[in-house]
Amino acid sequence: MYYHKTWKQIAPLDKETFYNDIDEYIIRISSIQWTNNIPKLVFDQWILHLYKHELTKNYSWIDLSKVKFEVEIWDTDKLLNINFLRDDYIEDLTTMSTDEIKKYTRNSDRAYWEKNGTWKIPPIIANTLSFGNIPPNVEFHSPLQLIEGHTRIGLLKRYYKSELKINKEHSIYLMTNSQQ
């Protein structure tokens, strides 16, 4: 898998995994100036935990020093109509039993949904058009594509179809090329 040099600069150490404290990782990479442009929650949910995941091939060519992440508020309909690489997983979440859902979600996340009608941590969505020449082996299929947050989108679809009251609007991180 090809990794742009900026991805190599922030490569997690073997001991920095999903179960370790994000703070140690952030402290270690904080000397790299451009990392200050990436929110801690983006590192935590995407880069640190999914660095070696197969789906990372779709993004590891991106120069992270030229990327910006902005929190935006989107309505539910817009969120349900973006491109998902894992459509089958998202659809499965809409029909799983409550016990099955527990395998894919944390108790605190489900409780947050039930109390607040939205997710606790904004998912990451790429504005793919802002990246210009996209390598041919990359799966960017639409102008807006979900990068991280497939379970959250799946739960949004599930709750949208159910009796659970959900908000009409939700926060997201919109990832764009700041050099466009």
Foldseek 3Di string as FASTA:
>chain_A
DDADVQLVLLADDPVQELPDDLVVSCVVSVVPPLCVQPDSLCCNFACRHCVPPPLCVQPRNDDSSQKHWDKDKDFLVVLLPADEPCVVVLQCLLPDDPVVLCVVDPPVQVVCCLVAQAGDGAFEKEQVVQVPDGDPVHPDDDRIYTDGDSSRNSVSNNCVPDPRDHDRMYIHIYMHRNVD
